[in-house]
Amino acid sequence: METRASKEAGEEEGPAEQTPETERSNTMTRSVGPVPGLVLFSMLGVLIRIYTTRLFAYKDAPTYALIWPQILGCLIMGALTRSRHTLSPSLYTGLTTGLCGSITTFSSWQLLVYTQFFNTDKGEHSKFNNFLGGVSVLVTTMTCALGALRAGFGAGDMVCAGRRCNTNKWTCKCDYTVAVVCVLGVMAACVVVGKAHDTRSVSIGVLLGPAGTLVRWKLSKLNTRHGTARSLPIGTLVANIAGCAVLATVHTLQSGGIVRPSHTSCQVLASISDGFCGCITTISTFAYELHTLSPRQSTTYTIVSIVTTQCLFILICGIYFETAHVDYPIC
């Protein structure tokens, strides 16, 4: 995005002359669009989130493992937003909406908050301890996400100061390279799904992730389409709420709330949770929007997002966990 000063300078100097090669490059770039980048970086984001979480999910870990991909995604998001002028539009969308939005997840965070508030693991805690656990997950994630975002701002300012992107043949080649790698990545994931049984849930999740990312990207257009978007990013809010509703349903199915889960169904449910739900919801965009809103607007946005999703988990999962008695293996 050009700064105000650069726009004013452009108006004084007049429009730049477009050569046939530049016009052809611009047309080809527009024809590619951001979809290949969204798909490719979404698949990569799913892998980073899953394996980063597994890396830190060891016994007696000092904190919950999910916080680390949230920090990483927000850190990258902060750096990218300050270096936007150095990237082509489609590559920038792929990295922010695709990669960062898929590394971070709002739905899994809210599920963790719900399990802490209502002690679904049946730990020997008092209700006050349950409350403290839920508040701890809320506060630590919000603090770390916003802190990582600001750290990314600083990193982006240092690395990309004075650089600017020119939409030229290199940019077009970069976009088409992303498209080719995207196709190869989808093909590789399909092969892994068919051959590797021990990582099938991850592979299916990698394939489902881009679907969630594309839905979130389409919904993001609502952020500027309606007048209320100035105070509430409707698109991101709808995406996060919808993803949490799907995850609450998946969590109930994983717990044997409706039918007895099999090994295959457990893999599919885990894939939906990690892939689709993890990608349709995001904390990196959520944190960046909080940064851009006024204090009053950001407080309202936070409360509406968290209260609404927690109510969904209570309505979808709460009744089951209070009444069900499962005596068979679950996911």
Protein backbone atom coordinates (compact mmCIF):
# COMPACT_ATOMS: atom_id res chain seq x y z
CA MET A 1 0.00 0.00 0.00
CA GLU A 2 1.38 3.38 -0.96
CA THR A 3 1.81 6.04 1.66
CA ARG A 4 -0.01 9.37 1.42
CA ALA A 5 3.22 11.14 0.58
CA SER A 6 3.98 8.78 -2.29
CA LYS A 7 0.45 9.15 -3.65
CA GLU A 8 0.74 12.92 -3.58
CA ALA A 9 4.09 12.71 -5.31
CA GLY A 10 2.56 10.50 -7.97
CA GLU A 11 -0.22 13.01 -8.59
CA GLU A 12 2.31 15.80 -9.08
CA GLU A 13 4.46 13.85 -11.48
CA GLY A 14 1.53 12.37 -13.43
CA PRO A 15 0.84 8.72 -14.20
CA ALA A 16 3.82 6.53 -14.97
CA GLU A 17 4.16 5.34 -18.53
CA GLN A 18 3.04 1.73 -18.96
CA THR A 19 5.17 -0.35 -21.31
CA PRO A 20 3.58 -3.34 -23.11
CA GLU A 21 5.64 -5.70 -20.95
CA THR A 22 4.45 -4.06 -17.72
CA GLU A 23 0.81 -4.11 -18.86
CA ARG A 24 1.11 -7.79 -19.80
CA SER A 25 2.70 -8.55 -16.42
CA ASN A 26 -0.06 -6.72 -14.55
CA THR A 27 -2.75 -8.55 -16.51
CA MET A 28 -1.16 -11.94 -15.83
CA THR A 29 -0.80 -11.13 -12.12
CA ARG A 30 -4.47 -10.18 -11.87
CA SER A 31 -5.46 -13.39 -13.66
CA VAL A 32 -3.61 -15.54 -11.11
CA GLY A 33 -5.17 -13.80 -8.12
CA PRO A 34 -4.56 -14.69 -4.48
CA VAL A 35 -6.27 -18.12 -4.48
CA PRO A 36 -3.16 -20.25 -5.26
CA GLY A 37 -1.20 -18.46 -2.55
CA LEU A 38 -4.04 -18.86 -0.08
CA VAL A 39 -4.20 -22.60 -0.74
CA LEU A 40 -0.45 -23.16 -0.61
CA PHE A 41 0.28 -21.09 2.49
CA SER A 42 -2.80 -22.43 4.24
CA MET A 43 -1.50 -25.98 3.84
CA LEU A 44 1.87 -24.87 5.18
CA GLY A 45 0.20 -23.07 8.08
CA VAL A 46 -1.71 -26.19 9.10
CA LEU A 47 1.50 -28.20 9.21
CA ILE A 48 3.32 -25.53 11.24
CA ARG A 49 0.46 -25.29 13.76
CA ILE A 50 0.05 -29.04 14.23
CA TYR A 51 3.72 -29.85 14.65
CA THR A 52 4.54 -26.78 16.72
CA THR A 53 1.75 -27.76 19.10
CA ARG A 54 3.03 -31.34 19.24
CA LEU A 55 6.57 -30.11 19.83
CA PHE A 56 5.60 -28.25 22.99
CA ALA A 57 2.99 -30.77 24.20
CA TYR A 58 5.33 -32.69 26.49
CA LYS A 59 4.73 -33.87 30.03
CA ASP A 60 4.86 -31.19 32.73
CA ALA A 61 5.17 -28.40 30.14
CA PRO A 62 5.09 -24.97 31.86
CA THR A 63 2.27 -23.73 29.61
CA TYR A 64 -0.24 -25.09 27.13
CA ALA A 65 1.25 -25.97 23.77
CA LEU A 66 -1.31 -24.10 21.63
CA ILE A 67 0.04 -20.73 22.69
CA TRP A 68 3.25 -21.15 20.67
CA PRO A 69 1.70 -21.26 17.16
CA GLN A 70 -0.46 -18.32 18.20
CA ILE A 71 2.65 -16.32 19.10
CA LEU A 72 4.44 -17.36 15.91
CA GLY A 73 1.54 -16.48 13.62
CA CYS A 74 0.98 -13.08 15.22
CA LEU A 75 4.71 -12.31 15.06
CA ILE A 76 4.80 -13.04 11.33
CA MET A 77 1.58 -11.09 10.81
CA GLY A 78 3.04 -8.02 12.48
CA ALA A 79 6.16 -8.15 10.32
CA LEU A 80 4.16 -8.63 7.11
CA THR A 81 1.78 -5.73 7.74
CA ARG A 82 4.77 -3.39 8.03
CA SER A 83 6.38 -4.78 4.87
CA ARG A 84 3.27 -4.82 2.72
CA HIS A 85 4.77 -2.36 0.23
CA THR A 86 7.57 -4.83 -0.56
CA LEU A 87 5.23 -7.66 -1.67
CA SER A 88 2.83 -8.17 -4.53
CA PRO A 89 -0.84 -7.99 -3.49
CA SER A 90 -1.53 -11.68 -4.08
CA LEU A 91 1.61 -12.78 -2.27
CA TYR A 92 0.78 -10.50 0.66
CA THR A 93 -2.73 -11.93 0.89
CA GLY A 94 -1.36 -15.47 0.73
CA LEU A 95 1.12 -14.84 3.53
CA THR A 96 -1.21 -12.94 5.88
CA THR A 97 -4.61 -14.54 5.29
CA GLY A 98 -3.23 -17.91 4.21
CA LEU A 99 -0.13 -18.54 6.32
CA CYS A 100 -0.64 -16.46 9.46
CA GLY A 101 -4.38 -17.08 9.55
CA SER A 102 -3.78 -20.84 9.40
CA ILE A 103 -0.93 -20.98 11.91
CA THR A 104 -3.16 -19.32 14.49
CA THR A 105 -6.63 -20.54 15.43
CA PHE A 106 -9.46 -18.92 17.35
CA SER A 107 -11.65 -22.03 17.64
CA SER A 108 -9.11 -24.28 19.38
CA TRP A 109 -8.30 -21.45 21.77
CA GLN A 110 -11.96 -21.06 22.69
CA LEU A 111 -12.36 -24.82 23.08
CA LEU A 112 -9.46 -24.81 25.51
CA VAL A 113 -11.05 -21.95 27.43
CA TYR A 114 -14.33 -23.88 27.58
CA THR A 115 -12.68 -27.07 28.85
CA GLN A 116 -10.95 -25.06 31.58
CA PHE A 117 -14.08 -23.20 32.68
CA PHE A 118 -16.20 -26.35 32.90
CA ASN A 119 -13.50 -28.88 33.79
CA THR A 120 -14.56 -31.35 31.11
CA ASP A 121 -11.55 -33.54 31.94
CA LYS A 122 -13.10 -34.13 35.38
CA GLY A 123 -10.00 -33.01 37.27
CA GLU A 124 -10.08 -32.59 41.02
CA HIS A 125 -10.60 -28.82 40.92
CA SER A 126 -12.96 -26.49 42.69
CA LYS A 127 -15.25 -24.31 40.60
CA PHE A 128 -13.11 -21.32 41.51
CA ASN A 129 -10.03 -23.14 40.20
CA ASN A 130 -11.91 -23.88 36.98
CA PHE A 131 -12.70 -20.18 36.64
CA LEU A 132 -9.07 -19.24 37.20
CA GLY A 133 -7.97 -21.78 34.60
CA GLY A 134 -10.28 -20.34 31.95
CA VAL A 135 -9.26 -16.77 32.73
CA SER A 136 -5.58 -17.77 32.58
CA VAL A 137 -5.95 -19.22 29.09
CA LEU A 138 -7.86 -16.13 27.92
CA VAL A 139 -5.45 -13.57 29.35
CA THR A 140 -2.19 -15.31 28.43
CA THR A 141 -3.25 -15.91 24.83
CA MET A 142 -4.51 -12.34 24.34
CA THR A 143 -1.40 -10.85 25.94
CA CYS A 144 1.04 -13.01 24.01
CA ALA A 145 -0.78 -12.53 20.70
CA LEU A 146 -0.85 -8.74 20.97
CA GLY A 147 2.74 -8.66 22.24
CA ALA A 148 3.95 -10.84 19.37
CA LEU A 149 2.07 -8.61 16.90
CA ARG A 150 3.86 -5.52 18.21
CA ALA A 151 7.20 -7.34 18.11
CA GLY A 152 6.46 -8.17 14.49
CA PHE A 153 5.80 -4.49 13.79
CA GLY A 154 9.28 -3.67 15.02
CA ALA A 155 10.90 -6.47 13.04
CA GLY A 156 9.09 -5.43 9.86
CA ASP A 157 10.13 -1.80 10.26
CA MET A 158 13.79 -2.75 10.66
CA VAL A 159 13.97 -5.25 7.81
CA CYS A 160 11.86 -3.51 5.17
CA ALA A 161 12.59 0.17 5.75
CA GLY A 162 12.96 2.03 2.45
CA ARG A 163 12.07 -0.92 0.23
CA ARG A 164 9.19 -0.86 -2.21
CA CYS A 165 7.61 -3.37 -4.54
CA ASN A 166 7.39 -2.77 -8.27
CA THR A 167 4.79 -4.83 -10.10
CA ASN A 168 7.08 -6.21 -12.75
CA LYS A 169 8.00 -9.47 -14.43
CA TRP A 170 9.64 -10.77 -11.22
CA THR A 171 6.42 -10.27 -9.27
CA CYS A 172 4.44 -12.13 -11.93
CA LYS A 173 6.92 -15.00 -11.91
CA CYS A 174 6.70 -15.17 -8.13
CA ASP A 175 2.89 -15.43 -8.23
CA TYR A 176 2.97 -18.16 -10.86
CA THR A 177 5.64 -20.05 -8.93
CA VAL A 178 3.32 -20.03 -5.91
CA ALA A 179 0.52 -21.40 -8.11
CA VAL A 180 2.68 -24.26 -9.40
CA VAL A 181 3.96 -25.16 -5.95
CA CYS A 182 0.36 -25.06 -4.70
CA VAL A 183 -0.69 -27.71 -7.24
CA LEU A 184 2.30 -29.88 -6.37
CA GLY A 185 1.55 -29.52 -2.67
CA VAL A 186 -2.05 -30.67 -3.09
CA MET A 187 -0.89 -33.65 -5.16
CA ALA A 188 1.70 -34.60 -2.53
CA ALA A 189 -0.87 -34.37 0.26
CA CYS A 190 -3.23 -36.63 -1.69
CA VAL A 191 -0.47 -39.22 -2.11
CA VAL A 192 0.34 -39.12 1.60
CA VAL A 193 -3.33 -39.57 2.48
CA GLY A 194 -3.43 -42.74 0.42
CA LYS A 195 -0.11 -44.22 1.54
CA ALA A 196 0.69 -43.15 5.10
CA HIS A 197 -1.72 -44.45 7.73
CA ASP A 198 0.03 -42.98 10.77
CA THR A 199 -0.17 -39.38 9.45
CA ARG A 200 -3.48 -39.64 7.62
CA SER A 201 -5.32 -37.27 9.97
CA VAL A 202 -2.64 -34.62 9.42
CA SER A 203 -2.71 -35.11 5.66
CA ILE A 204 -6.49 -34.85 5.46
CA GLY A 205 -6.30 -31.78 7.68
CA VAL A 206 -3.83 -30.22 5.23
CA LEU A 207 -6.34 -30.78 2.43
CA LEU A 208 -9.28 -29.41 4.42
CA GLY A 209 -7.39 -26.35 5.67
CA PRO A 210 -7.54 -24.35 2.40
CA ALA A 211 -11.34 -24.71 2.34
CA GLY A 212 -11.57 -22.95 5.69
CA THR A 213 -9.09 -20.30 4.60
CA LEU A 214 -11.00 -19.53 1.40
CA VAL A 215 -14.27 -19.22 3.33
CA ARG A 216 -12.60 -16.82 5.78
CA TRP A 217 -11.11 -14.83 2.91
CA LYS A 218 -14.52 -14.48 1.26
CA LEU A 219 -16.13 -13.47 4.56
CA SER A 220 -13.43 -10.84 5.10
CA LYS A 221 -15.10 -8.78 2.36
CA LEU A 222 -17.91 -8.13 4.86
CA ASN A 223 -15.44 -6.17 7.01
CA THR A 224 -15.71 -3.19 4.66
CA ARG A 225 -19.04 -3.81 2.97
CA HIS A 226 -21.29 -2.77 5.84
CA GLY A 227 -21.34 0.49 7.75
CA THR A 228 -20.98 -1.31 11.10
CA ALA A 229 -17.60 -2.62 9.97
CA ARG A 230 -16.01 0.55 11.30
CA SER A 231 -16.71 -0.65 14.84
CA LEU A 232 -16.99 -4.40 14.33
CA PRO A 233 -15.20 -6.52 11.68
CA ILE A 234 -18.26 -8.55 10.71
CA GLY A 235 -16.45 -10.94 8.37
CA THR A 236 -13.83 -12.06 10.87
CA LEU A 237 -16.46 -12.29 13.61
CA VAL A 238 -18.72 -14.52 11.49
CA ALA A 239 -15.78 -16.73 10.48
CA ASN A 240 -14.63 -17.21 14.07
CA ILE A 241 -18.15 -17.92 15.34
CA ALA A 242 -18.92 -20.36 12.51
CA GLY A 243 -15.63 -22.20 13.05
CA CYS A 244 -16.28 -22.50 16.78
CA ALA A 245 -19.77 -23.91 16.11
CA VAL A 246 -18.30 -26.57 13.82
CA LEU A 247 -15.54 -27.38 16.32
CA ALA A 248 -18.06 -27.70 19.16
CA THR A 249 -19.97 -30.24 17.08
CA VAL A 250 -16.77 -32.10 16.22
CA HIS A 251 -15.71 -32.13 19.87
CA THR A 252 -19.06 -33.64 20.87
CA LEU A 253 -18.71 -36.34 18.20
CA GLN A 254 -15.14 -37.07 19.32
CA SER A 255 -16.46 -37.61 22.84
CA GLY A 256 -18.98 -40.20 21.68
CA GLY A 257 -21.94 -37.92 22.27
CA ILE A 258 -24.00 -39.24 19.35
CA VAL A 259 -22.40 -42.38 17.93
CA ARG A 260 -19.51 -44.57 18.94
CA PRO A 261 -16.49 -43.26 17.04
CA SER A 262 -14.32 -45.64 15.03
CA HIS A 263 -10.62 -45.26 14.25
CA THR A 264 -11.39 -43.86 10.81
CA SER A 265 -14.03 -41.46 12.06
CA CYS A 266 -11.64 -40.23 14.74
CA GLN A 267 -9.08 -39.43 12.05
CA VAL A 268 -11.66 -37.55 10.00
CA LEU A 269 -12.90 -35.59 13.01
CA ALA A 270 -9.33 -34.67 13.97
CA SER A 271 -8.76 -33.51 10.40
CA ILE A 272 -11.83 -31.29 10.47
CA SER A 273 -10.73 -29.86 13.81
CA ASP A 274 -7.12 -29.18 12.81
CA GLY A 275 -7.78 -28.38 9.16
CA PHE A 276 -11.09 -26.70 8.45
CA CYS A 277 -11.86 -25.28 11.92
CA GLY A 278 -8.26 -24.26 12.52
CA CYS A 279 -8.14 -22.31 9.25
CA ILE A 280 -11.57 -20.72 9.08
CA THR A 281 -10.82 -19.10 12.45
CA THR A 282 -7.81 -16.95 13.25
CA ILE A 283 -6.20 -15.02 16.06
CA SER A 284 -3.60 -13.18 13.97
CA THR A 285 -6.24 -11.18 12.08
CA PHE A 286 -8.27 -10.84 15.28
CA ALA A 287 -5.26 -9.35 17.09
CA TYR A 288 -4.43 -7.00 14.20
CA GLU A 289 -8.02 -5.75 14.11
CA LEU A 290 -7.90 -5.08 17.85
CA HIS A 291 -4.77 -3.02 17.22
CA THR A 292 -6.49 -0.90 14.56
CA LEU A 293 -9.73 -0.29 16.49
CA SER A 294 -10.23 2.29 19.21
CA PRO A 295 -10.08 1.07 22.84
CA ARG A 296 -13.87 1.10 23.14
CA GLN A 297 -14.38 -0.68 19.83
CA SER A 298 -11.72 -3.30 20.54
CA THR A 299 -13.24 -4.03 23.96
CA THR A 300 -16.68 -4.49 22.41
CA TYR A 301 -15.24 -6.69 19.65
CA THR A 302 -13.39 -8.88 22.15
CA ILE A 303 -16.37 -9.32 24.45
CA VAL A 304 -18.78 -10.13 21.61
CA SER A 305 -16.36 -12.65 20.08
CA ILE A 306 -15.53 -14.50 23.29
CA VAL A 307 -19.00 -14.47 24.89
CA THR A 308 -20.71 -15.61 21.70
CA THR A 309 -18.33 -18.50 21.08
CA GLN A 310 -18.43 -19.64 24.72
CA CYS A 311 -22.25 -19.65 24.58
CA LEU A 312 -22.05 -21.84 21.48
CA PHE A 313 -19.78 -24.33 23.24
CA ILE A 314 -22.13 -24.42 26.20
CA LEU A 315 -25.20 -24.98 24.03
CA ILE A 316 -23.60 -27.61 21.78
CA CYS A 317 -21.28 -29.42 24.18
CA GLY A 318 -22.49 -28.47 27.64
CA ILE A 319 -25.68 -30.53 27.78
CA TYR A 320 -23.82 -33.62 26.58
CA PHE A 321 -21.01 -33.36 29.10
CA GLU A 322 -23.51 -32.92 31.91
CA THR A 323 -25.70 -35.89 30.99
CA ALA A 324 -23.72 -38.44 28.95
CA HIS A 325 -22.18 -41.59 30.43
CA VAL A 326 -19.86 -43.13 27.85
CA ASP A 327 -18.51 -46.58 28.65
CA TYR A 328 -16.62 -47.24 25.41
CA PRO A 329 -13.34 -45.91 23.93
CA ILE A 330 -13.55 -42.41 22.47
CA CYS A 331 -11.27 -40.33 20.26
